[in-house]
PDB file of N, CA and C in Angstrom:
ATOM      1  N   MET A   1      64.381 188.703 125.807  1.00  0.00           N
ATOM      2  CA  MET A   1      65.161 189.911 125.970  1.00  0.00           C
ATOM      3  C   MET A   1      65.610 190.394 124.595  1.00  0.00           C
ATOM      4  N   VAL A   2      65.583 191.688 124.402  1.00  0.00           N
ATOM      5  CA  VAL A   2      66.010 192.299 123.143  1.00  0.00           C
ATOM      6  C   VAL A   2      67.473 192.704 123.274  1.00  0.00           C
ATOM      7  N   LYS A   3      68.246 192.414 122.227  1.00  0.00           N
ATOM      8  CA  LYS A   3      69.657 192.784 122.202  1.00  0.00           C
ATOM      9  C   LYS A   3      69.946 193.614 120.963  1.00  0.00           C
ATOM     10  N   LEU A   4      70.874 194.532 121.107  1.00  0.00           N
ATOM     11  CA  LEU A   4      71.415 195.258 119.963  1.00  0.00           C
ATOM     12  C   LEU A   4      72.697 194.532 119.581  1.00  0.00           C
ATOM     13  N   ARG A   5      72.719 193.955 118.393  1.00  0.00           N
ATOM     14  CA  ARG A   5      73.863 193.147 117.985  1.00  0.00           C
ATOM     15  C   ARG A   5      74.209 193.400 116.537  1.00  0.00           C
ATOM     16  N   LEU A   6      75.310 192.807 116.085  1.00  0.00           N
ATOM     17  CA  LEU A   6      75.756 192.960 114.713  1.00  0.00           C
ATOM     18  C   LEU A   6      75.203 191.835 113.852  1.00  0.00           C
ATOM     19  N   LYS A   7      74.818 192.188 112.628  1.00  0.00           N
ATOM     20  CA  LYS A   7      74.335 191.220 111.652  1.00  0.00           C
ATOM     21  C   LYS A   7      75.243 191.336 110.437  1.00  0.00           C
ATOM     22  N   ARG A   8      75.863 190.235 110.058  1.00  0.00           N
ATOM     23  CA  ARG A   8      76.853 190.268 108.993  1.00  0.00           C
ATOM     24  C   ARG A   8      76.198 190.377 107.621  1.00  0.00           C
ATOM     25  N   CYS A   9      76.752 191.270 106.792  1.00  0.00           N
ATOM     26  CA  CYS A   9      76.292 191.460 105.417  1.00  0.00           C
ATOM     27  C   CYS A   9      77.515 191.633 104.532  1.00  0.00           C
ATOM     28  N   GLY A  10      77.299 191.752 103.246  1.00  0.00           N
ATOM     29  CA  GLY A  10      78.409 191.968 102.324  1.00  0.00           C
ATOM     30  C   GLY A  10      78.894 190.671 101.724  1.00  0.00           C
ATOM     31  N   ARG A  11      80.047 190.732 101.102  1.00  0.00           N
ATOM     32  CA  ARG A  11      80.588 189.547 100.449  1.00  0.00           C
ATOM     33  C   ARG A  11      81.833 189.050 101.173  1.00  0.00           C
ATOM     34  N   LYS A  12      82.416 187.987 100.648  1.00  0.00           N
ATOM     35  CA  LYS A  12      83.609 187.417 101.259  1.00  0.00           C
ATOM     36  C   LYS A  12      84.752 188.429 101.264  1.00  0.00           C
ATOM     37  N   GLN A  13      85.470 188.485 102.349  1.00  0.00           N
ATOM     38  CA  GLN A  13      86.619 189.373 102.518  1.00  0.00           C
ATOM     39  C   GLN A  13      86.250 190.852 102.448  1.00  0.00           C
ATOM     40  N   ARG A  14      84.969 191.173 102.417  1.00  0.00           N
ATOM     41  CA  ARG A  14      84.529 192.573 102.335  1.00  0.00           C
ATOM     42  C   ARG A  14      83.210 192.709 103.085  1.00  0.00           C
ATOM     43  N   THR A  15      83.248 192.396 104.360  1.00  0.00           N
ATOM     44  CA  THR A  15      82.020 192.377 105.139  1.00  0.00           C
ATOM     45  C   THR A  15      81.713 193.751 105.717  1.00  0.00           C
ATOM     46  N   ILE A  16      80.439 193.996 105.860  1.00  0.00           N
ATOM     47  CA  ILE A  16      79.956 195.116 106.657  1.00  0.00           C
ATOM     48  C   ILE A  16      78.948 194.527 107.624  1.00  0.00           C
ATOM     49  N   TYR A  17      78.668 195.229 108.675  1.00  0.00           N
ATOM     50  CA  TYR A  17      77.754 194.735 109.682  1.00  0.00           C
ATOM     51  C   TYR A  17      76.622 195.736 109.882  1.00  0.00           C
ATOM     52  N   GLN A  18      75.396 195.228 109.937  1.00  0.00           N
ATOM     53  CA  GLN A  18      74.267 196.064 110.310  1.00  0.00           C
ATOM     54  C   GLN A  18      74.084 195.941 111.812  1.00  0.00           C
ATOM     55  N   ILE A  19      73.799 197.047 112.463  1.00  0.00           N
ATOM     56  CA  ILE A  19      73.481 197.023 113.889  1.00  0.00           C
ATOM     57  C   ILE A  19      71.970 196.908 113.978  1.00  0.00           C
ATOM     58  N   VAL A  20      71.498 195.808 114.558  1.00  0.00           N
ATOM     59  CA  VAL A  20      70.066 195.528 114.583  1.00  0.00           C
ATOM     60  C   VAL A  20      69.609 195.234 116.003  1.00  0.00           C
ATOM     61  N   ALA A  21      68.326 195.452 116.230  1.00  0.00           N
ATOM     62  CA  ALA A  21      67.683 195.038 117.470  1.00  0.00           C
ATOM     63  C   ALA A  21      66.999 193.711 117.181  1.00  0.00           C
ATOM     64  N   THR A  22      67.306 192.703 117.974  1.00  0.00           N
ATOM     65  CA  THR A  22      66.766 191.373 117.733  1.00  0.00           C
ATOM     66  C   THR A  22      66.534 190.651 119.040  1.00  0.00           C
ATOM     67  N   ASP A  23      65.720 189.610 119.001  1.00  0.00           N
ATOM     68  CA  ASP A  23      65.497 188.782 120.170  1.00  0.00           C
ATOM     69  C   ASP A  23      66.785 188.022 120.472  1.00  0.00           C
ATOM     70  N   ALA A  24      67.137 187.900 121.718  1.00  0.00           N
ATOM     71  CA  ALA A  24      68.404 187.285 122.113  1.00  0.00           C
ATOM     72  C   ALA A  24      68.472 185.815 121.726  1.00  0.00           C
ATOM     73  N   ARG A  25      67.338 185.160 121.581  1.00  0.00           N
ATOM     74  CA  ARG A  25      67.331 183.733 121.267  1.00  0.00           C
ATOM     75  C   ARG A  25      67.466 183.438 119.782  1.00  0.00           C
ATOM     76  N   SER A  26      67.361 184.460 118.909  1.00  0.00           N
ATOM     77  CA  SER A  26      67.424 184.222 117.475  1.00  0.00           C
ATOM     78  C   SER A  26      68.870 184.168 116.996  1.00  0.00           C
ATOM     79  N   ARG A  27      69.042 183.631 115.785  1.00  0.00           N
ATOM     80  CA  ARG A  27      70.373 183.491 115.210  1.00  0.00           C
ATOM     81  C   ARG A  27      70.916 184.852 114.765  1.00  0.00           C
ATOM     82  N   ARG A  28      72.190 184.865 114.424  1.00  0.00           N
ATOM     83  CA  ARG A  28      72.807 186.108 113.962  1.00  0.00           C
ATOM     84  C   ARG A  28      72.146 186.604 112.681  1.00  0.00           C
ATOM     85  N   GLU A  29      71.781 185.692 111.785  1.00  0.00           N
ATOM     86  CA  GLU A  29      71.165 186.064 110.514  1.00  0.00           C
ATOM     87  C   GLU A  29      69.645 185.975 110.579  1.00  0.00           C
ATOM     88  N   GLY A  30      69.089 185.820 111.764  1.00  0.00           N
ATOM     89  CA  GLY A  30      67.646 185.677 111.914  1.00  0.00           C
ATOM     90  C   GLY A  30      66.908 186.991 111.718  1.00  0.00           C
ATOM     91  N   LYS A  31      65.592 186.937 111.936  1.00  0.00           N
ATOM     92  CA  LYS A  31      64.749 188.108 111.745  1.00  0.00           C
ATOM     93  C   LYS A  31      65.037 189.142 112.836  1.00  0.00           C
ATOM     94  N   ASP A  32      65.103 190.391 112.418  1.00  0.00           N
ATOM     95  CA  ASP A  32      65.397 191.454 113.382  1.00  0.00           C
ATOM     96  C   ASP A  32      64.161 192.315 113.605  1.00  0.00           C
ATOM     97  N   LEU A  33      64.133 193.009 114.749  1.00  0.00           N
ATOM     98  CA  LEU A  33      63.026 193.895 115.088  1.00  0.00           C
ATOM     99  C   LEU A  33      63.169 195.259 114.435  1.00  0.00           C
ATOM    100  N   GLY A  34      64.400 195.680 114.227  1.00  0.00           N
ATOM    101  CA  GLY A  34      64.643 196.973 113.600  1.00  0.00           C
ATOM    102  C   GLY A  34      66.119 197.192 113.344  1.00  0.00           C
ATOM    103  N   ARG A  35      66.410 197.905 112.285  1.00  0.00           N
ATOM    104  CA  ARG A  35      67.802 198.244 111.974  1.00  0.00           C
ATOM    105  C   ARG A  35      68.090 199.626 112.538  1.00  0.00           C
ATOM    106  N   VAL A  36      69.198 199.741 113.248  1.00  0.00           N
ATOM    107  CA  VAL A  36      69.506 201.013 113.892  1.00  0.00           C
ATOM    108  C   VAL A  36      70.829 201.606 113.417  1.00  0.00           C
ATOM    109  N   GLY A  37      71.512 200.954 112.483  1.00  0.00           N
ATOM    110  CA  GLY A  37      72.756 201.515 111.975  1.00  0.00           C
ATOM    111  C   GLY A  37      73.578 200.466 111.269  1.00  0.00           C
ATOM    112  N   PHE A  38      74.804 200.859 110.871  1.00  0.00           N
ATOM    113  CA  PHE A  38      75.733 199.889 110.302  1.00  0.00           C
ATOM    114  C   PHE A  38      77.148 200.251 110.700  1.00  0.00           C
ATOM    115  N   TYR A  39      78.040 199.270 110.550  1.00  0.00           N
ATOM    116  CA  TYR A  39      79.448 199.433 110.899  1.00  0.00           C
ATOM    117  C   TYR A  39      80.289 198.790 109.808  1.00  0.00           C
ATOM    118  N   ASP A  40      81.234 199.543 109.271  1.00  0.00           N
ATOM    119  CA  ASP A  40      82.159 199.042 108.258  1.00  0.00           C
ATOM    120  C   ASP A  40      83.547 198.981 108.890  1.00  0.00           C
ATOM    121  N   PRO A  41      84.039 197.782 109.242  1.00  0.00           N
ATOM    122  CA  PRO A  41      85.329 197.696 109.925  1.00  0.00           C
ATOM    123  C   PRO A  41      86.523 198.006 109.021  1.00  0.00           C
ATOM    124  N   ILE A  42      86.384 197.869 107.718  1.00  0.00           N
ATOM    125  CA  ILE A  42      87.504 198.117 106.819  1.00  0.00           C
ATOM    126  C   ILE A  42      87.750 199.616 106.689  1.00  0.00           C
ATOM    127  N   LYS A  43      86.684 200.382 106.454  1.00  0.00           N
ATOM    128  CA  LYS A  43      86.806 201.841 106.367  1.00  0.00           C
ATOM    129  C   LYS A  43      86.683 202.508 107.727  1.00  0.00           C
ATOM    130  N   ASN A  44      86.320 201.733 108.736  1.00  0.00           N
ATOM    131  CA  ASN A  44      86.120 202.223 110.102  1.00  0.00           C
ATOM    132  C   ASN A  44      85.065 203.324 110.142  1.00  0.00           C
ATOM    133  N   GLN A  45      83.945 203.081 109.437  1.00  0.00           N
ATOM    134  CA  GLN A  45      82.835 204.013 109.404  1.00  0.00           C
ATOM    135  C   GLN A  45      81.674 203.451 110.199  1.00  0.00           C
ATOM    136  N   THR A  46      80.935 204.337 110.819  1.00  0.00           N
ATOM    137  CA  THR A  46      79.747 203.941 111.573  1.00  0.00           C
ATOM    138  C   THR A  46      78.628 204.914 111.262  1.00  0.00           C
ATOM    139  N   TYR A  47      77.433 204.372 111.028  1.00  0.00           N
ATOM    140  CA  TYR A  47      76.235 205.185 110.914  1.00  0.00           C
ATOM    141  C   TYR A  47      75.282 204.704 111.989  1.00  0.00           C
ATOM    142  N   SER A  48      74.727 205.631 112.746  1.00  0.00           N
ATOM    143  CA  SER A  48      73.816 205.264 113.825  1.00  0.00           C
ATOM    144  C   SER A  48      72.556 206.103 113.736  1.00  0.00           C
ATOM    145  N   ASN A  49      71.422 205.442 113.830  1.00  0.00           N
ATOM    146  CA  ASN A  49      70.133 206.122 113.909  1.00  0.00           C
ATOM    147  C   ASN A  49      69.870 206.349 115.398  1.00  0.00           C
ATOM    148  N   VAL A  50      70.284 207.491 115.899  1.00  0.00           N
ATOM    149  CA  VAL A  50      70.285 207.773 117.335  1.00  0.00           C
ATOM    150  C   VAL A  50      68.894 207.672 117.965  1.00  0.00           C
ATOM    151  N   PRO A  51      67.831 208.237 117.361  1.00  0.00           N
ATOM    152  CA  PRO A  51      66.507 208.083 117.996  1.00  0.00           C
ATOM    153  C   PRO A  51      66.075 206.628 118.129  1.00  0.00           C
ATOM    154  N   ALA A  52      66.372 205.809 117.128  1.00  0.00           N
ATOM    155  CA  ALA A  52      66.003 204.392 117.205  1.00  0.00           C
ATOM    156  C   ALA A  52      66.818 203.669 118.275  1.00  0.00           C
ATOM    157  N   ILE A  53      68.094 203.999 118.394  1.00  0.00           N
ATOM    158  CA  ILE A  53      68.940 203.375 119.421  1.00  0.00           C
ATOM    159  C   ILE A  53      68.435 203.740 120.802  1.00  0.00           C
ATOM    160  N   LEU A  54      68.144 205.011 121.017  1.00  0.00           N
ATOM    161  CA  LEU A  54      67.646 205.436 122.329  1.00  0.00           C
ATOM    162  C   LEU A  54      66.291 204.816 122.641  1.00  0.00           C
ATOM    163  N   TYR A  55      65.453 204.641 121.621  1.00  0.00           N
ATOM    164  CA  TYR A  55      64.150 204.008 121.831  1.00  0.00           C
ATOM    165  C   TYR A  55      64.323 202.581 122.345  1.00  0.00           C
ATOM    166  N   PHE A  56      65.192 201.800 121.690  1.00  0.00           N
ATOM    167  CA  PHE A  56      65.385 200.412 122.106  1.00  0.00           C
ATOM    168  C   PHE A  56      66.076 200.325 123.458  1.00  0.00           C
ATOM    169  N   LEU A  57      67.003 201.244 123.740  1.00  0.00           N
ATOM    170  CA  LEU A  57      67.673 201.225 125.047  1.00  0.00           C
ATOM    171  C   LEU A  57      66.705 201.584 126.167  1.00  0.00           C
ATOM    172  N   GLU A  58      65.774 202.510 125.905  1.00  0.00           N
ATOM    173  CA  GLU A  58      64.762 202.857 126.908  1.00  0.00           C
ATOM    174  C   GLU A  58      63.819 201.700 127.187  1.00  0.00           C
ATOM    175  N   LYS A  59      63.555 200.886 126.173  1.00  0.00           N
ATOM    176  CA  LYS A  59      62.665 199.742 126.329  1.00  0.00           C
ATOM    177  C   LYS A  59      63.366 198.542 126.980  1.00  0.00           C
ATOM    178  N   GLY A  60      64.663 198.670 127.280  1.00  0.00           N
ATOM    179  CA  GLY A  60      65.365 197.614 128.001  1.00  0.00           C
ATOM    180  C   GLY A  60      66.297 196.764 127.168  1.00  0.00           C
ATOM    181  N   ALA A  61      66.570 197.153 125.939  1.00  0.00           N
ATOM    182  CA  ALA A  61      67.479 196.379 125.100  1.00  0.00           C
ATOM    183  C   ALA A  61      68.905 196.481 125.647  1.00  0.00           C
ATOM    184  N   GLN A  62      69.641 195.385 125.545  1.00  0.00           N
ATOM    185  CA  GLN A  62      71.022 195.340 126.010  1.00  0.00           C
ATOM    186  C   GLN A  62      71.953 195.227 124.810  1.00  0.00           C
ATOM    187  N   PRO A  63      72.907 196.146 124.649  1.00  0.00           N
ATOM    188  CA  PRO A  63      73.863 196.004 123.549  1.00  0.00           C
ATOM    189  C   PRO A  63      74.890 194.926 123.874  1.00  0.00           C
ATOM    190  N   THR A  64      75.345 194.218 122.847  1.00  0.00           N
ATOM    191  CA  THR A  64      76.419 193.260 123.042  1.00  0.00           C
ATOM    192  C   THR A  64      77.705 194.039 123.319  1.00  0.00           C
ATOM    193  N   ARG A  65      78.731 193.332 123.714  1.00  0.00           N
ATOM    194  CA  ARG A  65      79.984 194.007 124.075  1.00  0.00           C
ATOM    195  C   ARG A  65      80.572 194.779 122.886  1.00  0.00           C
ATOM    196  N   THR A  66      80.538 194.178 121.708  1.00  0.00           N
ATOM    197  CA  THR A  66      81.084 194.840 120.522  1.00  0.00           C
ATOM    198  C   THR A  66      80.278 196.076 120.159  1.00  0.00           C
ATOM    199  N   VAL A  67      78.964 195.962 120.188  1.00  0.00           N
ATOM    200  CA  VAL A  67      78.106 197.107 119.868  1.00  0.00           C
ATOM    201  C   VAL A  67      78.274 198.199 120.917  1.00  0.00           C
ATOM    202  N   HIS A  68      78.431 197.807 122.170  1.00  0.00           N
ATOM    203  CA  HIS A  68      78.670 198.787 123.234  1.00  0.00           C
ATOM    204  C   HIS A  68      79.959 199.559 122.959  1.00  0.00           C
ATOM    205  N   ASP A  69      81.007 198.860 122.529  1.00  0.00           N
ATOM    206  CA  ASP A  69      82.274 199.523 122.212  1.00  0.00           C
ATOM    207  C   ASP A  69      82.130 200.457 121.008  1.00  0.00           C
ATOM    208  N   ILE A  70      81.334 200.064 120.018  1.00  0.00           N
ATOM    209  CA  ILE A  70      81.100 200.919 118.849  1.00  0.00           C
ATOM    210  C   ILE A  70      80.354 202.185 119.269  1.00  0.00           C
ATOM    211  N   PHE A  71      79.338 202.029 120.108  1.00  0.00           N
ATOM    212  CA  PHE A  71      78.588 203.192 120.595  1.00  0.00           C
ATOM    213  C   PHE A  71      79.469 204.091 121.450  1.00  0.00           C
ATOM    214  N   LYS A  72      80.340 203.489 122.241  1.00  0.00           N
ATOM    215  CA  LYS A  72      81.235 204.268 123.095  1.00  0.00           C
ATOM    216  C   LYS A  72      82.211 205.092 122.253  1.00  0.00           C
ATOM    217  N   LYS A  73      82.717 204.485 121.193  1.00  0.00           N
ATOM    218  CA  LYS A  73      83.647 205.169 120.298  1.00  0.00           C
ATOM    219  C   LYS A  73      82.947 206.322 119.569  1.00  0.00           C
ATOM    220  N   ALA A  74      81.651 206.124 119.254  1.00  0.00           N
ATOM    221  CA  ALA A  74      80.878 207.168 118.583  1.00  0.00           C
ATOM    222  C   ALA A  74      80.291 208.167 119.586  1.00  0.00           C
ATOM    223  N   LYS A  75      80.571 207.975 120.872  1.00  0.00           N
ATOM    224  CA  LYS A  75      80.143 208.853 121.955  1.00  0.00           C
ATOM    225  C   LYS A  75      78.611 208.926 122.084  1.00  0.00           C
ATOM    226  N   LEU A  76      77.943 207.793 121.845  1.00  0.00           N
ATOM    227  CA  LEU A  76      76.502 207.724 122.040  1.00  0.00           C
ATOM    228  C   LEU A  76      76.151 207.382 123.475  1.00  0.00           C
ATOM    229  N   ILE A  77      76.985 206.558 124.116  1.00  0.00           N
ATOM    230  CA  ILE A  77      76.789 206.196 125.515  1.00  0.00           C
ATOM    231  C   ILE A  77      78.112 206.373 126.235  1.00  0.00           C
ATOM    232  N   VAL A  78      78.037 206.456 127.547  1.00  0.00           N
ATOM    233  CA  VAL A  78      79.251 206.680 128.343  1.00  0.00           C
ATOM    234  C   VAL A  78      79.844 205.370 128.767  1.00  0.00           C
TER     235      VAL A  78
END
Protein backbone atom coordinates (compact mmCIF):
# COMPACT_ATOMS: atom_id res chain seq x y z
CA MET A 1 0.00 0.00 0.00
CA VAL A 2 1.22 3.50 -0.83
CA LYS A 3 1.06 6.17 1.87
CA LEU A 4 1.54 9.91 1.80
CA ARG A 5 3.69 10.63 4.84
CA LEU A 6 6.23 13.05 6.26
CA LYS A 7 9.96 12.58 5.78
CA ARG A 8 12.17 14.48 8.19
CA CYS A 9 14.88 16.77 6.79
CA GLY A 10 16.90 19.72 8.02
CA ARG A 11 19.15 20.03 11.02
CA LYS A 12 18.76 19.68 14.76
CA GLN A 13 16.16 22.00 16.30
CA ARG A 14 15.34 23.28 12.79
CA THR A 15 13.51 20.50 11.03
CA ILE A 16 11.40 20.64 7.93
CA TYR A 17 9.40 17.78 6.55
CA GLN A 18 8.99 16.62 2.97
CA ILE A 19 5.61 15.16 2.07
CA VAL A 20 6.39 12.02 0.10
CA ALA A 21 4.59 9.05 -1.39
CA THR A 22 6.19 5.85 -0.12
CA ASP A 23 5.48 2.19 0.44
CA ALA A 24 3.85 1.67 3.83
CA ARG A 25 6.39 -0.98 4.82
CA SER A 26 9.45 1.25 4.33
CA ARG A 27 11.13 3.34 7.01
CA ARG A 28 10.54 7.05 7.50
CA GLU A 29 13.91 7.85 5.88
CA GLY A 30 13.60 5.09 3.27
CA LYS A 31 13.28 5.41 -0.48
CA ASP A 32 10.23 7.32 -1.65
CA LEU A 33 8.15 7.01 -4.82
CA GLY A 34 7.74 10.74 -5.29
CA ARG A 35 7.93 14.05 -3.48
CA VAL A 36 4.67 15.95 -3.43
CA GLY A 37 5.44 18.90 -1.15
CA PHE A 38 6.99 20.09 2.09
CA TYR A 39 5.90 21.38 5.48
CA ASP A 40 7.80 23.78 7.74
CA PRO A 41 6.28 23.64 11.25
CA ILE A 42 8.35 26.56 12.58
CA LYS A 43 7.23 29.06 9.92
CA ASN A 44 3.95 27.17 9.44
CA GLN A 45 4.45 27.09 5.67
CA THR A 46 3.24 24.40 3.31
CA TYR A 47 4.00 23.80 -0.35
CA SER A 48 1.94 21.21 -2.18
CA ASN A 49 2.25 19.88 -5.70
CA VAL A 50 -1.49 19.47 -6.21
CA PRO A 51 -1.42 17.43 -9.47
CA ALA A 52 1.02 14.94 -7.93
CA ILE A 53 -1.07 14.65 -4.75
CA LEU A 54 -4.25 14.04 -6.73
CA TYR A 55 -2.45 11.48 -8.90
CA PHE A 56 -1.35 9.43 -5.88
CA LEU A 57 -4.75 9.75 -4.18
CA GLU A 58 -6.49 8.51 -7.36
CA LYS A 59 -4.16 5.51 -7.44
CA GLY A 60 -5.24 4.58 -3.89
CA ALA A 61 -2.60 6.19 -1.69
CA GLN A 62 -3.68 6.83 1.91
CA PRO A 63 -2.43 9.95 3.71
CA THR A 64 -1.30 9.57 7.30
CA ARG A 65 -3.28 11.42 9.94
CA THR A 66 -0.79 14.30 10.12
CA VAL A 67 -0.60 14.70 6.35
CA HIS A 68 -4.40 14.54 6.16
CA ASP A 69 -4.59 17.41 8.68
CA ILE A 70 -2.03 19.43 6.67
CA PHE A 71 -4.04 18.90 3.47
CA LYS A 72 -7.25 19.81 5.28
CA LYS A 73 -5.72 23.04 6.58
CA ALA A 74 -4.53 23.87 3.04
CA LYS A 75 -8.07 23.05 1.77
CA LEU A 76 -6.87 20.34 -0.64
CA ILE A 77 -9.28 17.72 0.72
CA VAL A 78 -12.48 17.95 2.73
